[in-house]
């Protein structure tokens, strides 16, 4: 892919944001994780990573980041190992929620996803896809491990980096990919700094 980003780009009419809204239009009273997996089957890892990471960018009850972070860890590991399709244990696939709860979640996510999707397009893609996938999976795994930490205010940046990386990978957009890597570096620096501060404080108190 050349660095010329002036070529016209026809956006996919069934963007992830659109598919997620359509899932909530189902007349069923509950939506299971299995239902979501089936609807996103053709999109696989990237779509699920965007979904679970983006859920950490909206205001949710304390502890929710750990719940949504665990699937991110599983997805990142499977992507790193070269799985063709995501795998989740049966007990996770059976989990469900009220359709109205799902719609509230998606109503918060949709405007943000639409903005990201409108700005993403194929450009500046100089590295083979396989190499990029491995790099993204490693970085996403590290960011996922930060997301699951039950520490306030440090979950949003790593979650944002995963969203940007997954969109960049899916659209072959080098700008989003590079931005995601920069955000990941910032998130890692903050996490390391916080960990060092806690360690020094513990040494001061107990040393």
Protein backbone atom coordinates (compact mmCIF):
# COMPACT_ATOMS: atom_id res chain seq x y z
CA UNK A 1 0.00 0.00 0.00
CA UNK A 2 1.49 3.33 -1.02
CA UNK A 3 1.55 6.39 1.16
CA UNK A 4 -0.83 8.27 -1.15
CA UNK A 5 -4.01 8.79 0.86
CA UNK A 6 -5.78 10.80 -1.82
CA UNK A 7 -7.51 7.83 -3.44
CA UNK A 8 -11.27 7.75 -2.86
CA UNK A 9 -12.36 5.31 -0.19
CA UNK A 10 -15.82 3.76 -0.26
CA UNK A 11 -16.76 3.08 3.37
CA UNK A 12 -18.33 -0.23 4.23
CA UNK A 13 -22.08 0.24 4.53
CA UNK A 14 -22.14 -2.31 7.33
CA UNK A 15 -19.73 -0.71 9.72
CA UNK A 16 -19.22 -2.20 13.15
CA UNK A 17 -21.33 0.56 14.72
CA UNK A 18 -24.21 -0.31 12.37
CA UNK A 19 -23.96 -4.05 13.10
CA UNK A 20 -23.96 -3.46 16.86
CA UNK A 21 -27.11 -1.35 16.59
CA UNK A 22 -28.78 -4.01 14.44
CA UNK A 23 -28.08 -6.65 17.10
CA UNK A 24 -30.12 -4.59 19.56
CA UNK A 25 -33.03 -4.43 17.11
CA UNK A 26 -33.71 -8.12 17.71
CA UNK A 27 -37.18 -8.61 19.25
CA UNK A 28 -35.77 -11.02 21.88
CA UNK A 29 -35.86 -9.85 25.49
CA UNK A 30 -32.26 -10.89 26.17
CA UNK A 31 -29.05 -10.87 24.15
CA UNK A 32 -26.33 -13.41 24.85
CA UNK A 33 -22.62 -13.14 24.23
CA UNK A 34 -23.12 -15.97 21.74
CA UNK A 35 -25.58 -13.79 19.79
CA UNK A 36 -22.97 -11.04 19.53
CA UNK A 37 -20.28 -13.52 18.44
CA UNK A 38 -22.56 -14.88 15.71
CA UNK A 39 -23.37 -11.39 14.42
CA UNK A 40 -19.67 -10.43 14.33
CA UNK A 41 -18.44 -13.78 13.01
CA UNK A 42 -17.13 -12.34 9.74
CA UNK A 43 -15.28 -9.56 11.54
CA UNK A 44 -13.60 -11.75 14.14
CA UNK A 45 -10.87 -10.43 16.43
CA UNK A 46 -10.78 -6.77 15.50
CA UNK A 47 -14.48 -6.10 15.99
CA UNK A 48 -14.56 -7.86 19.36
CA UNK A 49 -11.46 -6.02 20.55
CA UNK A 50 -13.01 -2.70 19.55
CA UNK A 51 -16.28 -3.59 21.33
CA UNK A 52 -14.75 -4.69 24.64
CA UNK A 53 -12.15 -1.93 24.67
CA UNK A 54 -14.66 0.78 23.77
CA UNK A 55 -16.91 -0.28 26.65
CA UNK A 56 -14.11 0.89 28.96
CA UNK A 57 -14.31 4.39 27.47
CA UNK A 58 -17.83 5.13 28.67
CA UNK A 59 -18.88 5.74 32.30
CA UNK A 60 -19.61 2.37 33.89
CA UNK A 61 -19.83 1.05 37.49
CA UNK A 62 -16.52 0.37 39.32
CA UNK A 63 -15.04 -3.05 38.56
CA UNK A 64 -16.59 -3.22 35.09
CA UNK A 65 -13.20 -2.68 33.44
CA UNK A 66 -11.99 -5.98 34.89
CA UNK A 67 -15.04 -7.82 33.50
CA UNK A 68 -14.59 -6.37 30.01
CA UNK A 69 -10.81 -6.66 30.21
CA UNK A 70 -10.73 -10.45 30.56
CA UNK A 71 -12.11 -11.07 27.03
CA UNK A 72 -9.51 -8.61 25.73
CA UNK A 73 -6.74 -10.69 27.28
CA UNK A 74 -8.16 -13.88 25.74
CA UNK A 75 -8.53 -12.25 22.32
CA UNK A 76 -5.00 -10.84 22.37
CA UNK A 77 -3.46 -14.19 23.31
CA UNK A 78 -5.41 -16.05 20.63
CA UNK A 79 -4.50 -13.46 18.01
CA UNK A 80 -0.84 -13.74 19.01
CA UNK A 81 -1.00 -17.53 18.71
CA UNK A 82 -2.52 -17.26 15.25
CA UNK A 83 -6.04 -18.51 15.94
CA UNK A 84 -8.28 -18.11 12.88
CA UNK A 85 -11.41 -17.44 14.94
CA UNK A 86 -11.92 -16.25 18.52
CA UNK A 87 -12.67 -18.90 21.11
CA UNK A 88 -14.47 -18.38 24.41
CA UNK A 89 -15.50 -20.96 27.01
CA UNK A 90 -19.13 -22.05 27.00
CA UNK A 91 -19.98 -20.33 30.29
CA UNK A 92 -18.92 -16.97 28.81
CA UNK A 93 -20.85 -17.54 25.59
CA UNK A 94 -24.00 -18.26 27.61
CA UNK A 95 -23.83 -14.97 29.50
CA UNK A 96 -26.65 -12.64 28.55
CA UNK A 97 -28.18 -9.27 29.38
CA UNK A 98 -31.50 -7.55 28.97
CA UNK A 99 -31.86 -6.14 25.47
CA UNK A 100 -32.60 -2.70 26.93
CA UNK A 101 -29.31 -2.79 28.85
CA UNK A 102 -27.48 -3.71 25.66
CA UNK A 103 -29.15 -0.85 23.78
CA UNK A 104 -28.09 1.64 26.46
CA UNK A 105 -24.47 0.46 26.17
CA UNK A 106 -24.49 0.73 22.39
CA UNK A 107 -26.22 4.13 22.45
CA UNK A 108 -23.21 5.41 24.39
CA UNK A 109 -20.67 3.73 22.11
CA UNK A 110 -22.21 4.42 18.70
CA UNK A 111 -21.34 8.14 18.33
CA UNK A 112 -17.69 7.51 19.23
CA UNK A 113 -17.38 4.49 16.91
CA UNK A 114 -19.01 6.38 14.03
CA UNK A 115 -16.47 9.20 14.38
CA UNK A 116 -13.55 6.75 14.36
CA UNK A 117 -14.97 4.86 11.37
CA UNK A 118 -15.50 7.99 9.29
CA UNK A 119 -11.89 9.07 9.75
CA UNK A 120 -10.27 5.68 9.07
CA UNK A 121 -9.23 4.63 5.57
CA UNK A 122 -6.40 2.64 3.93
CA UNK A 123 -3.17 4.70 3.95
CA UNK A 124 0.53 4.54 4.85
CA UNK A 125 0.55 0.76 5.16
CA UNK A 126 4.16 -0.24 4.54
CA UNK A 127 4.58 -3.35 6.72
CA UNK A 128 3.23 -6.85 5.87
CA UNK A 129 -0.14 -7.60 7.48
CA UNK A 130 1.15 -10.64 9.38
CA UNK A 131 3.85 -8.62 11.12
CA UNK A 132 1.41 -5.86 12.01
CA UNK A 133 -1.01 -8.43 13.45
CA UNK A 134 1.71 -9.83 15.72
CA UNK A 135 2.75 -6.38 16.91
CA UNK A 136 -0.86 -5.35 17.55
CA UNK A 137 -1.59 -8.58 19.45
CA UNK A 138 1.44 -8.10 21.74
CA UNK A 139 0.65 -4.44 22.45
CA UNK A 140 -3.05 -5.21 22.91
CA UNK A 141 -2.18 -7.96 25.40
CA UNK A 142 -0.04 -5.57 27.47
CA UNK A 143 -2.78 -2.92 27.35
CA UNK A 144 -5.43 -5.51 28.30
CA UNK A 145 -3.45 -6.44 31.39
CA UNK A 146 -3.55 -2.79 32.43
CA UNK A 147 -7.28 -2.54 31.66
CA UNK A 148 -8.15 -5.38 34.04
CA UNK A 149 -6.35 -3.73 36.96
CA UNK A 150 -8.95 -2.53 39.49
CA UNK A 151 -7.33 0.90 39.66
CA UNK A 152 -9.40 4.00 38.83
CA UNK A 153 -8.40 6.37 36.01
CA UNK A 154 -5.76 4.17 34.35
CA UNK A 155 -8.09 2.01 32.24
CA UNK A 156 -9.22 4.52 29.62
CA UNK A 157 -5.90 5.17 27.86
CA UNK A 158 -5.00 1.50 27.30
CA UNK A 159 -8.57 0.81 26.17
CA UNK A 160 -8.37 3.72 23.72
CA UNK A 161 -5.08 2.40 22.36
CA UNK A 162 -6.69 -0.99 21.67
CA UNK A 163 -9.58 0.65 19.82
CA UNK A 164 -7.18 2.67 17.66
CA UNK A 165 -4.92 -0.32 16.98
CA UNK A 166 -7.85 -2.57 16.03
CA UNK A 167 -9.35 0.04 13.71
CA UNK A 168 -5.96 0.71 12.16
CA UNK A 169 -5.39 -3.00 11.60
CA UNK A 170 -8.85 -3.60 10.16
CA UNK A 171 -8.74 -0.60 7.79
CA UNK A 172 -4.99 -0.87 7.05
CA UNK A 173 -4.70 2.70 8.27
CA UNK A 174 -1.14 3.54 9.28
CA UNK A 175 -2.22 6.82 10.89
CA UNK A 176 -4.59 5.14 13.34
CA UNK A 177 -2.09 2.35 13.94
CA UNK A 178 0.69 4.80 14.76
CA UNK A 179 -1.62 6.83 16.99
CA UNK A 180 -2.63 3.66 18.82
CA UNK A 181 1.02 2.78 19.44
CA UNK A 182 1.73 6.26 20.80
CA UNK A 183 -1.28 6.09 23.13
CA UNK A 184 -0.15 2.62 24.26
CA UNK A 185 3.33 3.97 25.08
CA UNK A 186 1.76 6.79 27.11
CA UNK A 187 -0.55 4.36 28.92
CA UNK A 188 2.38 2.05 29.73
CA UNK A 189 4.42 4.99 31.02
CA UNK A 190 1.60 6.09 33.32
CA UNK A 191 1.09 2.55 34.61
CA UNK A 192 4.81 2.09 35.26
CA UNK A 193 5.01 5.47 36.96
CA UNK A 194 2.02 4.66 39.15
CA UNK A 195 3.48 1.27 40.05
CA UNK A 196 6.83 2.85 40.94
CA UNK A 197 5.11 5.48 43.10
CA UNK A 198 3.15 2.81 44.97
CA UNK A 199 6.32 0.76 45.45
CA UNK A 200 8.26 3.74 46.80
CA UNK A 201 5.41 4.67 49.12
CA UNK A 202 5.28 1.10 50.45
CA UNK A 203 9.04 1.12 51.06
CA UNK A 204 8.73 4.44 52.86
CA UNK A 205 5.93 3.15 55.08
CA UNK A 206 7.18 -0.36 55.77
CA UNK A 207 10.90 0.01 55.09
